Amino acid sequence: MLLGPFVDATGTSLTLAAPPRRIVSLIPSITETLFALGAGPAVAACTVYCTEPAAGVASKTRVGGGKNPKLEAIRD
């Protein structure tokens, strides 16, 4: 089952072969929304500015900030 095509923020179109299993959130409000929707277990990493929900993000890998993400950490 293919999902998409989707267009990302750069205008690049992509089609996914399967639903995402791991999410890296670079925007604090999106991180909060993911947890509110029950997708917290799929969040693999977030930025140093993602502070809510405190218990949810406490154990997540930190990948820098939204404007200066650590791309190597995201790839890992």
Protein backbone atom coordinates (compact mmCIF):
# COMPACT_ATOMS: atom_id res chain seq x y z
CA MET A 1 0.00 0.00 0.00
CA LEU A 2 1.45 3.35 -1.03
CA LEU A 3 0.71 6.51 0.96
CA GLY A 4 0.80 9.88 -0.73
CA PRO A 5 2.07 11.56 -2.68
CA PHE A 6 2.82 14.18 -0.06
CA VAL A 7 4.62 17.48 -0.59
CA ASP A 8 7.09 18.56 2.09
CA ALA A 9 8.01 22.11 3.14
CA THR A 10 10.63 22.35 0.40
CA GLY A 11 8.11 21.46 -2.29
CA THR A 12 9.50 17.96 -2.76
CA SER A 13 6.89 15.30 -3.52
CA LEU A 14 7.25 11.93 -1.81
CA THR A 15 5.32 8.71 -1.62
CA LEU A 16 5.67 6.38 1.35
CA ALA A 17 5.67 2.60 0.99
CA ALA A 18 4.32 2.19 4.54
CA PRO A 19 3.17 4.39 7.42
CA PRO A 20 6.01 6.04 9.36
CA ARG A 21 7.19 4.03 12.37
CA ARG A 22 9.46 6.64 13.92
CA ILE A 23 8.89 10.38 14.13
CA VAL A 24 11.45 13.13 14.75
CA SER A 25 9.60 16.27 15.79
CA LEU A 26 11.34 19.60 15.24
CA ILE A 27 8.50 21.84 16.44
CA PRO A 28 7.41 21.88 20.11
CA SER A 29 3.70 22.37 19.37
CA ILE A 30 3.77 19.42 16.97
CA THR A 31 5.46 17.30 19.63
CA GLU A 32 2.67 18.15 22.08
CA THR A 33 0.04 17.37 19.44
CA LEU A 34 1.62 14.00 18.64
CA PHE A 35 1.45 13.02 22.31
CA ALA A 36 -2.12 14.33 22.63
CA LEU A 37 -3.13 12.16 19.66
CA GLY A 38 -1.57 9.07 21.23
CA ALA A 39 1.42 8.95 18.88
CA GLY A 40 3.96 9.57 21.66
CA PRO A 41 5.45 6.06 21.43
CA ALA A 42 6.31 6.73 17.76
CA VAL A 43 8.24 9.91 18.63
CA ALA A 44 11.88 8.81 18.48
CA ALA A 45 13.41 12.26 18.99
CA CYS A 46 12.59 15.91 19.43
CA THR A 47 14.32 19.26 19.85
CA VAL A 48 15.82 20.68 23.02
CA TYR A 49 12.88 23.13 23.03
CA CYS A 50 10.24 20.37 23.22
CA THR A 51 9.33 20.39 26.91
CA GLU A 52 5.73 19.17 26.98
CA PRO A 53 4.46 16.74 27.96
CA ALA A 54 7.36 16.64 30.39
CA ALA A 55 6.99 12.95 31.21
CA GLY A 56 6.65 12.05 27.54
CA VAL A 57 9.67 13.91 26.18
CA ALA A 58 11.99 13.22 29.12
CA SER A 59 13.30 10.00 27.62
CA LYS A 60 13.40 11.13 23.98
CA THR A 61 16.65 11.72 22.09
CA ARG A 62 17.35 15.43 21.60
CA VAL A 63 18.40 16.55 18.14
CA GLY A 64 19.27 20.21 18.60
CA GLY A 65 16.85 22.95 17.62
CA GLY A 66 14.42 23.40 14.77
CA LYS A 67 16.72 25.82 12.97
CA ASN A 68 19.91 23.88 13.67
CA PRO A 69 18.98 20.21 13.93
CA LYS A 70 21.72 17.64 14.34
CA LEU A 71 21.17 15.82 11.05
CA GLU A 72 23.51 12.96 11.96
CA ALA A 73 21.51 12.28 15.13
CA ILE A 74 18.29 12.31 13.11
CA ARG A 75 19.69 9.82 10.61
CA ASP A 76 20.82 7.53 13.44
